Protein backbone atom coordinates (compact mmCIF):
# COMPACT_ATOMS: atom_id res chain seq x y z
CA LEU A 1 12.05 -11.41 5.17
CA SER A 2 11.15 -8.76 2.16
CA ILE A 3 12.15 -5.48 1.50
CA TYR A 4 8.10 -4.39 1.99
CA PRO A 5 6.10 -6.70 4.06
CA PRO A 6 2.91 -7.11 4.59
CA THR A 7 0.86 -4.20 5.94
CA SER A 8 3.56 -1.84 4.21
CA ILE A 9 2.03 1.65 2.16
CA VAL A 10 3.78 2.05 -0.88
CA ALA A 11 4.21 4.21 -4.19
CA LEU A 12 3.24 1.93 -7.13
CA SER A 13 4.77 2.95 -10.81
CA THR A 14 1.26 3.98 -11.62
CA GLY A 15 1.30 6.72 -9.37
CA GLU A 16 -1.62 4.96 -6.85
CA ILE A 17 -0.70 3.92 -3.23
CA ALA A 18 -1.29 0.43 -2.24
CA LYS A 19 -1.05 -1.56 1.17
CA VAL A 20 1.11 -4.71 0.59
CA ILE A 21 -0.92 -7.80 1.49
CA LYS A 22 1.21 -10.46 1.21
CA ILE A 23 4.81 -11.91 -0.36
CA ASN A 24 4.81 -13.53 -3.15
CA ASN A 25 7.36 -16.83 -2.92
CA GLY A 26 10.24 -16.53 -5.08
CA SER A 27 10.07 -12.46 -5.90
CA LEU A 28 10.35 -10.47 -3.10
CA THR A 29 9.54 -7.45 -5.04
CA ARG A 30 6.63 -8.47 -6.86
CA ALA A 31 3.61 -8.56 -3.77
CA LEU A 32 0.26 -8.70 -3.78
CA VAL A 33 -1.08 -5.34 -3.15
CA GLU A 34 -4.50 -3.72 -2.79
CA ILE A 35 -4.19 -0.39 -4.67
CA PHE A 36 -6.63 2.15 -1.82
CA LEU A 37 -5.31 5.62 -3.24
CA ASP A 38 -5.01 7.27 -6.72
CA ASP A 39 -1.87 9.36 -7.12
CA GLY A 40 -3.45 12.37 -5.66
CA PHE A 41 -3.77 10.41 -2.71
CA SER A 42 -7.59 10.56 -3.28
CA GLU A 43 -9.71 7.43 -1.93
CA VAL A 44 -10.42 4.62 -4.32
CA PRO A 45 -12.48 1.50 -4.40
CA PRO A 46 -9.92 -1.07 -3.14
CA LYS A 47 -8.34 -3.27 -6.23
CA ILE A 48 -6.37 -6.60 -5.49
CA LEU A 49 -3.46 -6.33 -8.10
CA ASP A 50 -0.80 -9.28 -8.09
CA LEU A 51 2.44 -7.81 -9.61
CA LEU A 52 3.69 -10.85 -10.43
CA LYS A 53 1.00 -10.65 -13.16
CA TYR A 54 1.91 -7.03 -13.80
CA PRO A 55 5.23 -6.97 -14.99
CA LEU A 56 5.29 -3.07 -15.95
CA THR A 57 3.71 -2.26 -12.84
CA SER A 58 6.16 -2.41 -9.58
CA ILE A 59 6.79 -1.02 -5.96
CA GLU A 60 8.61 2.33 -6.21
CA ARG A 61 8.94 3.34 -2.92
CA SER A 62 7.81 2.94 0.96
CA VAL A 63 4.98 5.75 1.99
CA THR A 64 5.95 7.46 4.90
CA SER A 65 3.19 8.24 7.90
CA ARG A 66 4.05 11.68 7.51
CA GLU A 67 3.46 11.55 3.83
CA LEU A 68 0.35 9.96 4.16
CA GLU A 69 -0.83 12.72 6.92
CA THR A 70 0.02 15.54 4.84
CA ARG A 71 -1.53 14.72 1.72
CA ASN A 72 -4.80 12.64 3.26
CA PRO A 73 -5.19 13.70 6.69
CA GLU A 74 -8.49 12.29 7.90
CA LEU A 75 -7.47 8.88 5.85
CA ALA A 76 -4.39 9.06 8.33
CA ALA A 77 -6.52 9.57 11.46
CA LYS A 78 -8.74 7.15 10.28
CA LEU A 79 -5.79 4.65 9.77
CA GLU A 80 -4.53 5.48 12.93
CA LEU A 81 -7.42 4.90 14.94
CA ALA A 82 -7.90 1.13 13.42
CA GLY A 83 -4.59 0.58 15.09
CA TRP A 84 -5.89 1.14 18.13
CA TRP A 85 -8.65 -1.33 18.02
CA ARG A 86 -7.62 -4.83 18.38
CA GLU A 87 -10.38 -7.65 18.31
CA TRP A 88 -9.85 -10.31 20.83
């Protein structure tokens, strides 16, 4: 169990927006994340960041789907569609 489980969308202390990929054992708040939006909610090339290795960067809060829809409607729609399709 974690405060921010994998697939959660979170805002980092840098202002960037990331998806939680994996929880680090022993530190529920220092996850492995994939940054995919800048502080203005514009897409950036994905970058993996292990928060255990960057102590000055932290998760500040969760990003709600409503906030994502408001700030970047195209990406929100794309993520919603991706959730509907599963490869079996």
